[in-house]
Amino acid sequence: MTSEELKARTEKFSLMVIDVVEKLPNTISGRAIANQIVRSGTSIGANYRAVCRARSDREFISKMSIVIEEADEKLFWMKFFKRKNGLITHN
């Protein structure tokens, strides 16, 4: 997969994140969780674009680490929401 294909996929993912978040309940906790999901989910694509501009292998690794951290944070918030709402009971 090329970097351009990954840019397109991460952008599409960001749009999907926004679509999902807009369906979350409009409660205090729903808005707080939605905010976290939007921030981490949409930053994946933005940070991947920064990866593509890395000037060295070291910078590439550093920037890619941020992408991975944001993806993991988004996963945390999605699982947290599911667990809070009884949709999952473990991992």
PDB file of N, CA and C in Angstrom:
ATOM      1  N   MET A   1       0.846  -1.174   0.000  1.00  0.00           N
ATOM      2  CA  MET A   1       0.000   0.000   0.000  1.00  0.00           C
ATOM      3  C   MET A   1       0.893   1.238   0.000  1.00  0.00           C
ATOM      4  N   THR A   2       0.541   2.193  -0.825  1.00  0.00           N
ATOM      5  CA  THR A   2       1.344   3.416  -0.934  1.00  0.00           C
ATOM      6  C   THR A   2       0.946   4.418   0.149  1.00  0.00           C
ATOM      7  N   SER A   3       1.798   5.410   0.327  1.00  0.00           N
ATOM      8  CA  SER A   3       1.483   6.451   1.310  1.00  0.00           C
ATOM      9  C   SER A   3       0.223   7.223   0.895  1.00  0.00           C
ATOM     10  N   GLU A   4       0.012   7.400  -0.402  1.00  0.00           N
ATOM     11  CA  GLU A   4      -1.190   8.103  -0.861  1.00  0.00           C
ATOM     12  C   GLU A   4      -2.447   7.294  -0.554  1.00  0.00           C
ATOM     13  N   GLU A   5      -2.361   5.981  -0.695  1.00  0.00           N
ATOM     14  CA  GLU A   5      -3.504   5.130  -0.355  1.00  0.00           C
ATOM     15  C   GLU A   5      -3.787   5.187   1.143  1.00  0.00           C
ATOM     16  N   LEU A   6      -2.728   5.191   1.951  1.00  0.00           N
ATOM     17  CA  LEU A   6      -2.918   5.293   3.399  1.00  0.00           C
ATOM     18  C   LEU A   6      -3.474   6.658   3.807  1.00  0.00           C
ATOM     19  N   LYS A   7      -3.041   7.696   3.125  1.00  0.00           N
ATOM     20  CA  LYS A   7      -3.619   9.024   3.395  1.00  0.00           C
ATOM     21  C   LYS A   7      -5.124   9.002   3.132  1.00  0.00           C
ATOM     22  N   ALA A   8      -5.512   8.417   2.006  1.00  0.00           N
ATOM     23  CA  ALA A   8      -6.934   8.348   1.657  1.00  0.00           C
ATOM     24  C   ALA A   8      -7.704   7.499   2.668  1.00  0.00           C
ATOM     25  N   ARG A   9      -7.121   6.377   3.079  1.00  0.00           N
ATOM     26  CA  ARG A   9      -7.805   5.500   4.049  1.00  0.00           C
ATOM     27  C   ARG A   9      -7.950   6.169   5.407  1.00  0.00           C
ATOM     28  N   THR A  10      -6.914   6.876   5.853  1.00  0.00           N
ATOM     29  CA  THR A  10      -7.010   7.523   7.166  1.00  0.00           C
ATOM     30  C   THR A  10      -7.986   8.699   7.116  1.00  0.00           C
ATOM     31  N   GLU A  11      -8.083   9.363   5.986  1.00  0.00           N
ATOM     32  CA  GLU A  11      -9.076  10.434   5.842  1.00  0.00           C
ATOM     33  C   GLU A  11     -10.488   9.856   5.876  1.00  0.00           C
ATOM     34  N   LYS A  12     -10.675   8.757   5.168  1.00  0.00           N
ATOM     35  CA  LYS A  12     -11.985   8.088   5.172  1.00  0.00           C
ATOM     36  C   LYS A  12     -12.330   7.625   6.588  1.00  0.00           C
ATOM     37  N   PHE A  13     -11.341   7.109   7.288  1.00  0.00           N
ATOM     38  CA  PHE A  13     -11.543   6.675   8.671  1.00  0.00           C
ATOM     39  C   PHE A  13     -11.993   7.849   9.537  1.00  0.00           C
ATOM     40  N   SER A  14     -11.365   9.002   9.377  1.00  0.00           N
ATOM     41  CA  SER A  14     -11.748  10.197  10.140  1.00  0.00           C
ATOM     42  C   SER A  14     -13.209  10.563   9.897  1.00  0.00           C
ATOM     43  N   LEU A  15     -13.630  10.482   8.651  1.00  0.00           N
ATOM     44  CA  LEU A  15     -15.025  10.781   8.323  1.00  0.00           C
ATOM     45  C   LEU A  15     -15.967   9.764   8.963  1.00  0.00           C
ATOM     46  N   MET A  16     -15.554   8.492   8.984  1.00  0.00           N
ATOM     47  CA  MET A  16     -16.371   7.451   9.610  1.00  0.00           C
ATOM     48  C   MET A  16     -16.464   7.679  11.125  1.00  0.00           C
ATOM     49  N   VAL A  17     -15.375   8.106  11.727  1.00  0.00           N
ATOM     50  CA  VAL A  17     -15.369   8.405  13.166  1.00  0.00           C
ATOM     51  C   VAL A  17     -16.398   9.488  13.468  1.00  0.00           C
ATOM     52  N   ILE A  18     -16.394  10.526  12.668  1.00  0.00           N
ATOM     53  CA  ILE A  18     -17.347  11.623  12.880  1.00  0.00           C
ATOM     54  C   ILE A  18     -18.781  11.119  12.728  1.00  0.00           C
ATOM     55  N   ASP A  19     -19.028  10.281  11.732  1.00  0.00           N
ATOM     56  CA  ASP A  19     -20.374   9.724  11.550  1.00  0.00           C
ATOM     57  C   ASP A  19     -20.822   8.931  12.774  1.00  0.00           C
ATOM     58  N   VAL A  20     -19.933   8.127  13.325  1.00  0.00           N
ATOM     59  CA  VAL A  20     -20.267   7.325  14.511  1.00  0.00           C
ATOM     60  C   VAL A  20     -20.535   8.227  15.709  1.00  0.00           C
ATOM     61  N   VAL A  21     -19.683   9.196  15.919  1.00  0.00           N
ATOM     62  CA  VAL A  21     -19.795  10.077  17.083  1.00  0.00           C
ATOM     63  C   VAL A  21     -21.095  10.869  17.056  1.00  0.00           C
ATOM     64  N   GLU A  22     -21.530  11.260  15.883  1.00  0.00           N
ATOM     65  CA  GLU A  22     -22.768  12.023  15.784  1.00  0.00           C
ATOM     66  C   GLU A  22     -23.987  11.216  16.206  1.00  0.00           C
ATOM     67  N   LYS A  23     -23.833   9.909  16.334  1.00  0.00           N
ATOM     68  CA  LYS A  23     -24.928   9.047  16.767  1.00  0.00           C
ATOM     69  C   LYS A  23     -24.886   8.743  18.258  1.00  0.00           C
ATOM     70  N   LEU A  24     -23.853   9.227  18.949  1.00  0.00           N
ATOM     71  CA  LEU A  24     -23.756   8.985  20.392  1.00  0.00           C
ATOM     72  C   LEU A  24     -24.786   9.831  21.132  1.00  0.00           C
ATOM     73  N   PRO A  25     -25.179   9.401  22.316  1.00  0.00           N
ATOM     74  CA  PRO A  25     -26.190  10.149  23.063  1.00  0.00           C
ATOM     75  C   PRO A  25     -25.712  11.548  23.453  1.00  0.00           C
ATOM     76  N   ASN A  26     -26.659  12.472  23.474  1.00  0.00           N
ATOM     77  CA  ASN A  26     -26.355  13.852  23.834  1.00  0.00           C
ATOM     78  C   ASN A  26     -26.508  14.015  25.354  1.00  0.00           C
ATOM     79  N   THR A  27     -25.635  13.321  26.072  1.00  0.00           N
ATOM     80  CA  THR A  27     -25.596  13.415  27.535  1.00  0.00           C
ATOM     81  C   THR A  27     -24.230  13.968  27.919  1.00  0.00           C
ATOM     82  N   ILE A  28     -24.060  14.292  29.174  1.00  0.00           N
ATOM     83  CA  ILE A  28     -22.760  14.808  29.605  1.00  0.00           C
ATOM     84  C   ILE A  28     -21.653  13.805  29.302  1.00  0.00           C
ATOM     85  N   SER A  29     -21.861  12.550  29.675  1.00  0.00           N
ATOM     86  CA  SER A  29     -20.825  11.542  29.426  1.00  0.00           C
ATOM     87  C   SER A  29     -20.714  11.231  27.935  1.00  0.00           C
ATOM     88  N   GLY A  30     -21.831  11.203  27.238  1.00  0.00           N
ATOM     89  CA  GLY A  30     -21.805  10.948  25.800  1.00  0.00           C
ATOM     90  C   GLY A  30     -21.016  12.003  25.054  1.00  0.00           C
ATOM     91  N   ARG A  31     -21.215  13.263  25.417  1.00  0.00           N
ATOM     92  CA  ARG A  31     -20.471  14.349  24.771  1.00  0.00           C
ATOM     93  C   ARG A  31     -18.994  14.287  25.110  1.00  0.00           C
ATOM     94  N   ALA A  32     -18.663  13.956  26.356  1.00  0.00           N
ATOM     95  CA  ALA A  32     -17.255  13.872  26.764  1.00  0.00           C
ATOM     96  C   ALA A  32     -16.551  12.749  26.010  1.00  0.00           C
ATOM     97  N   ILE A  33     -17.197  11.598  25.940  1.00  0.00           N
ATOM     98  CA  ILE A  33     -16.603  10.462  25.234  1.00  0.00           C
ATOM     99  C   ILE A  33     -16.526  10.764  23.739  1.00  0.00           C
ATOM    100  N   ALA A  34     -17.565  11.358  23.194  1.00  0.00           N
ATOM    101  CA  ALA A  34     -17.574  11.708  21.776  1.00  0.00           C
ATOM    102  C   ALA A  34     -16.411  12.642  21.450  1.00  0.00           C
ATOM    103  N   ASN A  35     -16.180  13.615  22.302  1.00  0.00           N
ATOM    104  CA  ASN A  35     -15.084  14.560  22.081  1.00  0.00           C
ATOM    105  C   ASN A  35     -13.745  13.826  22.031  1.00  0.00           C
ATOM    106  N   GLN A  36     -13.540  12.906  22.959  1.00  0.00           N
ATOM    107  CA  GLN A  36     -12.283  12.154  22.980  1.00  0.00           C
ATOM    108  C   GLN A  36     -12.134  11.289  21.733  1.00  0.00           C
ATOM    109  N   ILE A  37     -13.217  10.649  21.325  1.00  0.00           N
ATOM    110  CA  ILE A  37     -13.163   9.787  20.136  1.00  0.00           C
ATOM    111  C   ILE A  37     -12.873  10.614  18.895  1.00  0.00           C
ATOM    112  N   VAL A  38     -13.526  11.766  18.764  1.00  0.00           N
ATOM    113  CA  VAL A  38     -13.287  12.620  17.593  1.00  0.00           C
ATOM    114  C   VAL A  38     -11.846  13.102  17.574  1.00  0.00           C
ATOM    115  N   ARG A  39     -11.359  13.562  18.702  1.00  0.00           N
ATOM    116  CA  ARG A  39      -9.986  14.088  18.749  1.00  0.00           C
ATOM    117  C   ARG A  39      -8.960  13.025  18.386  1.00  0.00           C
ATOM    118  N   SER A  40      -9.066  11.852  18.999  1.00  0.00           N
ATOM    119  CA  SER A  40      -8.070  10.819  18.724  1.00  0.00           C
ATOM    120  C   SER A  40      -8.285  10.182  17.347  1.00  0.00           C
ATOM    121  N   GLY A  41      -9.546   9.958  16.984  1.00  0.00           N
ATOM    122  CA  GLY A  41      -9.838   9.300  15.710  1.00  0.00           C
ATOM    123  C   GLY A  41      -9.479  10.131  14.496  1.00  0.00           C
ATOM    124  N   THR A  42      -9.711  11.426  14.552  1.00  0.00           N
ATOM    125  CA  THR A  42      -9.397  12.270  13.401  1.00  0.00           C
ATOM    126  C   THR A  42      -7.922  12.644  13.350  1.00  0.00           C
ATOM    127  N   SER A  43      -7.251  12.598  14.483  1.00  0.00           N
ATOM    128  CA  SER A  43      -5.835  12.952  14.475  1.00  0.00           C
ATOM    129  C   SER A  43      -4.973  11.857  13.849  1.00  0.00           C
ATOM    130  N   ILE A  44      -5.516  10.662  13.718  1.00  0.00           N
ATOM    131  CA  ILE A  44      -4.756   9.576  13.089  1.00  0.00           C
ATOM    132  C   ILE A  44      -4.353   9.982  11.675  1.00  0.00           C
ATOM    133  N   GLY A  45      -5.315  10.438  10.899  1.00  0.00           N
ATOM    134  CA  GLY A  45      -5.023  10.848   9.525  1.00  0.00           C
ATOM    135  C   GLY A  45      -4.130  12.067   9.453  1.00  0.00           C
ATOM    136  N   ALA A  46      -4.398  13.042  10.306  1.00  0.00           N
ATOM    137  CA  ALA A  46      -3.576  14.257  10.301  1.00  0.00           C
ATOM    138  C   ALA A  46      -2.126  13.933  10.665  1.00  0.00           C
ATOM    139  N   ASN A  47      -1.959  13.086  11.663  1.00  0.00           N
ATOM    140  CA  ASN A  47      -0.603  12.724  12.067  1.00  0.00           C
ATOM    141  C   ASN A  47       0.077  11.818  11.047  1.00  0.00           C
ATOM    142  N   TYR A  48      -0.694  10.988  10.357  1.00  0.00           N
ATOM    143  CA  TYR A  48      -0.082  10.168   9.313  1.00  0.00           C
ATOM    144  C   TYR A  48       0.476  11.052   8.200  1.00  0.00           C
ATOM    145  N   ARG A  49      -0.222  12.120   7.887  1.00  0.00           N
ATOM    146  CA  ARG A  49       0.285  13.050   6.878  1.00  0.00           C
ATOM    147  C   ARG A  49       1.623  13.627   7.304  1.00  0.00           C
ATOM    148  N   ALA A  50       1.785  13.875   8.605  1.00  0.00           N
ATOM    149  CA  ALA A  50       3.071  14.361   9.117  1.00  0.00           C
ATOM    150  C   ALA A  50       4.148  13.285   8.967  1.00  0.00           C
ATOM    151  N   VAL A  51       3.757  12.034   9.150  1.00  0.00           N
ATOM    152  CA  VAL A  51       4.697  10.917   8.958  1.00  0.00           C
ATOM    153  C   VAL A  51       5.277  10.973   7.540  1.00  0.00           C
ATOM    154  N   CYS A  52       4.430  11.255   6.587  1.00  0.00           N
ATOM    155  CA  CYS A  52       4.849  11.274   5.185  1.00  0.00           C
ATOM    156  C   CYS A  52       5.841  12.399   4.884  1.00  0.00           C
ATOM    157  N   ARG A  53       5.947  13.358   5.771  1.00  0.00           N
ATOM    158  CA  ARG A  53       6.882  14.466   5.582  1.00  0.00           C
ATOM    159  C   ARG A  53       8.145  14.306   6.425  1.00  0.00           C
ATOM    160  N   ALA A  54       8.313  13.150   7.049  1.00  0.00           N
ATOM    161  CA  ALA A  54       9.479  12.921   7.901  1.00  0.00           C
ATOM    162  C   ALA A  54      10.767  13.097   7.102  1.00  0.00           C
ATOM    163  N   ARG A  55      11.746  13.736   7.733  1.00  0.00           N
ATOM    164  CA  ARG A  55      13.011  14.018   7.057  1.00  0.00           C
ATOM    165  C   ARG A  55      14.101  12.992   7.356  1.00  0.00           C
ATOM    166  N   SER A  56      13.796  12.068   8.255  1.00  0.00           N
ATOM    167  CA  SER A  56      14.783  11.039   8.591  1.00  0.00           C
ATOM    168  C   SER A  56      14.047   9.805   9.111  1.00  0.00           C
ATOM    169  N   ASP A  57      14.762   8.699   9.177  1.00  0.00           N
ATOM    170  CA  ASP A  57      14.161   7.483   9.732  1.00  0.00           C
ATOM    171  C   ASP A  57      13.740   7.700  11.174  1.00  0.00           C
ATOM    172  N   ARG A  58      14.559   8.403  11.914  1.00  0.00           N
ATOM    173  CA  ARG A  58      14.263   8.677  13.323  1.00  0.00           C
ATOM    174  C   ARG A  58      12.986   9.506  13.476  1.00  0.00           C
ATOM    175  N   GLU A  59      12.850  10.522  12.644  1.00  0.00           N
ATOM    176  CA  GLU A  59      11.650  11.358  12.674  1.00  0.00           C
ATOM    177  C   GLU A  59      10.424  10.551  12.235  1.00  0.00           C
ATOM    178  N   PHE A  60      10.599   9.701  11.227  1.00  0.00           N
ATOM    179  CA  PHE A  60       9.518   8.836  10.758  1.00  0.00           C
ATOM    180  C   PHE A  60       9.002   7.967  11.908  1.00  0.00           C
ATOM    181  N   ILE A  61       9.905   7.326  12.620  1.00  0.00           N
ATOM    182  CA  ILE A  61       9.528   6.453  13.735  1.00  0.00           C
ATOM    183  C   ILE A  61       8.826   7.247  14.825  1.00  0.00           C
ATOM    184  N   SER A  62       9.358   8.414  15.132  1.00  0.00           N
ATOM    185  CA  SER A  62       8.748   9.253  16.166  1.00  0.00           C
ATOM    186  C   SER A  62       7.320   9.656  15.790  1.00  0.00           C
ATOM    187  N   LYS A  63       7.140  10.099  14.564  1.00  0.00           N
ATOM    188  CA  LYS A  63       5.813  10.530  14.115  1.00  0.00           C
ATOM    189  C   LYS A  63       4.847   9.362  13.987  1.00  0.00           C
ATOM    190  N   MET A  64       5.355   8.212  13.526  1.00  0.00           N
ATOM    191  CA  MET A  64       4.498   7.035  13.410  1.00  0.00           C
ATOM    192  C   MET A  64       4.059   6.557  14.788  1.00  0.00           C
ATOM    193  N   SER A  65       4.912   6.741  15.780  1.00  0.00           N
ATOM    194  CA  SER A  65       4.549   6.381  17.156  1.00  0.00           C
ATOM    195  C   SER A  65       3.342   7.183  17.625  1.00  0.00           C
ATOM    196  N   ILE A  66       3.261   8.425  17.218  1.00  0.00           N
ATOM    197  CA  ILE A  66       2.120   9.269  17.577  1.00  0.00           C
ATOM    198  C   ILE A  66       0.853   8.726  16.928  1.00  0.00           C
ATOM    199  N   VAL A  67       0.947   8.317  15.667  1.00  0.00           N
ATOM    200  CA  VAL A  67      -0.210   7.729  14.971  1.00  0.00           C
ATOM    201  C   VAL A  67      -0.701   6.493  15.723  1.00  0.00           C
ATOM    202  N   ILE A  68       0.226   5.654  16.129  1.00  0.00           N
ATOM    203  CA  ILE A  68      -0.129   4.434  16.850  1.00  0.00           C
ATOM    204  C   ILE A  68      -0.764   4.768  18.195  1.00  0.00           C
ATOM    205  N   GLU A  69      -0.212   5.748  18.899  1.00  0.00           N
ATOM    206  CA  GLU A  69      -0.786   6.166  20.182  1.00  0.00           C
ATOM    207  C   GLU A  69      -2.207   6.682  20.013  1.00  0.00           C
ATOM    208  N   GLU A  70      -2.445   7.474  18.995  1.00  0.00           N
ATOM    209  CA  GLU A  70      -3.780   8.022  18.757  1.00  0.00           C
ATOM    210  C   GLU A  70      -4.770   6.917  18.397  1.00  0.00           C
ATOM    211  N   ALA A  71      -4.330   5.962  17.611  1.00  0.00           N
ATOM    212  CA  ALA A  71      -5.203   4.838  17.252  1.00  0.00           C
ATOM    213  C   ALA A  71      -5.555   4.028  18.498  1.00  0.00           C
ATOM    214  N   ASP A  72      -4.581   3.821  19.366  1.00  0.00           N
ATOM    215  CA  ASP A  72      -4.831   3.082  20.599  1.00  0.00           C
ATOM    216  C   ASP A  72      -5.775   3.856  21.520  1.00  0.00           C
ATOM    217  N   GLU A  73      -5.605   5.177  21.591  1.00  0.00           N
ATOM    218  CA  GLU A  73      -6.497   5.985  22.419  1.00  0.00           C
ATOM    219  C   GLU A  73      -7.923   5.917  21.891  1.00  0.00           C
ATOM    220  N   LYS A  74      -8.083   5.988  20.587  1.00  0.00           N
ATOM    221  CA  LYS A  74      -9.420   5.900  19.989  1.00  0.00           C
ATOM    222  C   LYS A  74     -10.049   4.560  20.320  1.00  0.00           C
ATOM    223  N   LEU A  75      -9.257   3.494  20.240  1.00  0.00           N
ATOM    224  CA  LEU A  75      -9.746   2.166  20.590  1.00  0.00           C
ATOM    225  C   LEU A  75     -10.177   2.117  22.053  1.00  0.00           C
ATOM    226  N   PHE A  76      -9.375   2.723  22.931  1.00  0.00           N
ATOM    227  CA  PHE A  76      -9.733   2.778  24.350  1.00  0.00           C
ATOM    228  C   PHE A  76     -11.098   3.423  24.546  1.00  0.00           C
ATOM    229  N   TRP A  77     -11.316   4.585  23.934  1.00  0.00           N
ATOM    230  CA  TRP A  77     -12.576   5.306  24.134  1.00  0.00           C
ATOM    231  C   TRP A  77     -13.769   4.559  23.552  1.00  0.00           C
ATOM    232  N   MET A  78     -13.583   3.882  22.424  1.00  0.00           N
ATOM    233  CA  MET A  78     -14.674   3.092  21.852  1.00  0.00           C
ATOM    234  C   MET A  78     -15.026   1.928  22.778  1.00  0.00           C
ATOM    235  N   LYS A  79     -14.005   1.237  23.285  1.00  0.00           N
ATOM    236  CA  LYS A  79     -14.261   0.128  24.209  1.00  0.00           C
ATOM    237  C   LYS A  79     -14.879   0.641  25.505  1.00  0.00           C
ATOM    238  N   PHE A  80     -14.402   1.775  25.974  1.00  0.00           N
ATOM    239  CA  PHE A  80     -14.933   2.371  27.194  1.00  0.00           C
ATOM    240  C   PHE A  80     -16.419   2.656  27.035  1.00  0.00           C
ATOM    241  N   PHE A  81     -16.780   3.263  25.902  1.00  0.00           N
ATOM    242  CA  PHE A  81     -18.181   3.571  25.647  1.00  0.00           C
ATOM    243  C   PHE A  81     -19.018   2.297  25.595  1.00  0.00           C
ATOM    244  N   LYS A  82     -18.515   1.293  24.897  1.00  0.00           N
ATOM    245  CA  LYS A  82     -19.248   0.024  24.794  1.00  0.00           C
ATOM    246  C   LYS A  82     -19.414  -0.616  26.170  1.00  0.00           C
ATOM    247  N   ARG A  83     -18.351  -0.600  26.969  1.00  0.00           N
ATOM    248  CA  ARG A  83     -18.427  -1.195  28.299  1.00  0.00           C
ATOM    249  C   ARG A  83     -19.410  -0.404  29.177  1.00  0.00           C
ATOM    250  N   LYS A  84     -19.365   0.908  29.103  1.00  0.00           N
ATOM    251  CA  LYS A  84     -20.262   1.760  29.893  1.00  0.00           C
ATOM    252  C   LYS A  84     -21.722   1.466  29.568  1.00  0.00           C
ATOM    253  N   ASN A  85     -21.981   1.166  28.324  1.00  0.00           N
ATOM    254  CA  ASN A  85     -23.349   0.922  27.873  1.00  0.00           C
ATOM    255  C   ASN A  85     -23.731  -0.553  27.843  1.00  0.00           C
ATOM    256  N   GLY A  86     -22.898  -1.398  28.449  1.00  0.00           N
ATOM    257  CA  GLY A  86     -23.199  -2.806  28.542  1.00  0.00           C
ATOM    258  C   GLY A  86     -23.107  -3.568  27.231  1.00  0.00           C
ATOM    259  N   LEU A  87     -22.439  -2.995  26.247  1.00  0.00           N
ATOM    260  CA  LEU A  87     -22.324  -3.661  24.948  1.00  0.00           C
ATOM    261  C   LEU A  87     -21.222  -4.716  24.960  1.00  0.00           C
ATOM    262  N   ILE A  88     -20.243  -4.520  25.845  1.00  0.00           N
ATOM    263  CA  ILE A  88     -19.211  -5.552  26.060  1.00  0.00           C
ATOM    264  C   ILE A  88     -18.957  -5.637  27.562  1.00  0.00           C
ATOM    265  N   THR A  89     -18.533  -6.782  28.015  1.00  0.00           N
ATOM    266  CA  THR A  89     -18.286  -6.965  29.454  1.00  0.00           C
ATOM    267  C   THR A  89     -16.826  -7.254  29.764  1.00  0.00           C
ATOM    268  N   HIS A  90     -16.014  -7.526  28.772  1.00  0.00           N
ATOM    269  CA  HIS A  90     -14.585  -7.765  28.976  1.00  0.00           C
ATOM    270  C   HIS A  90     -13.815  -7.285  27.756  1.00  0.00           C
ATOM    271  N   ASN A  91     -12.486  -7.192  27.874  1.00  0.00           N
ATOM    272  CA  ASN A  91     -11.596  -6.703  26.821  1.00  0.00           C
ATOM    273  C   ASN A  91     -12.371  -6.275  25.611  1.00  0.00           C
TER     274      ASN A  91
END
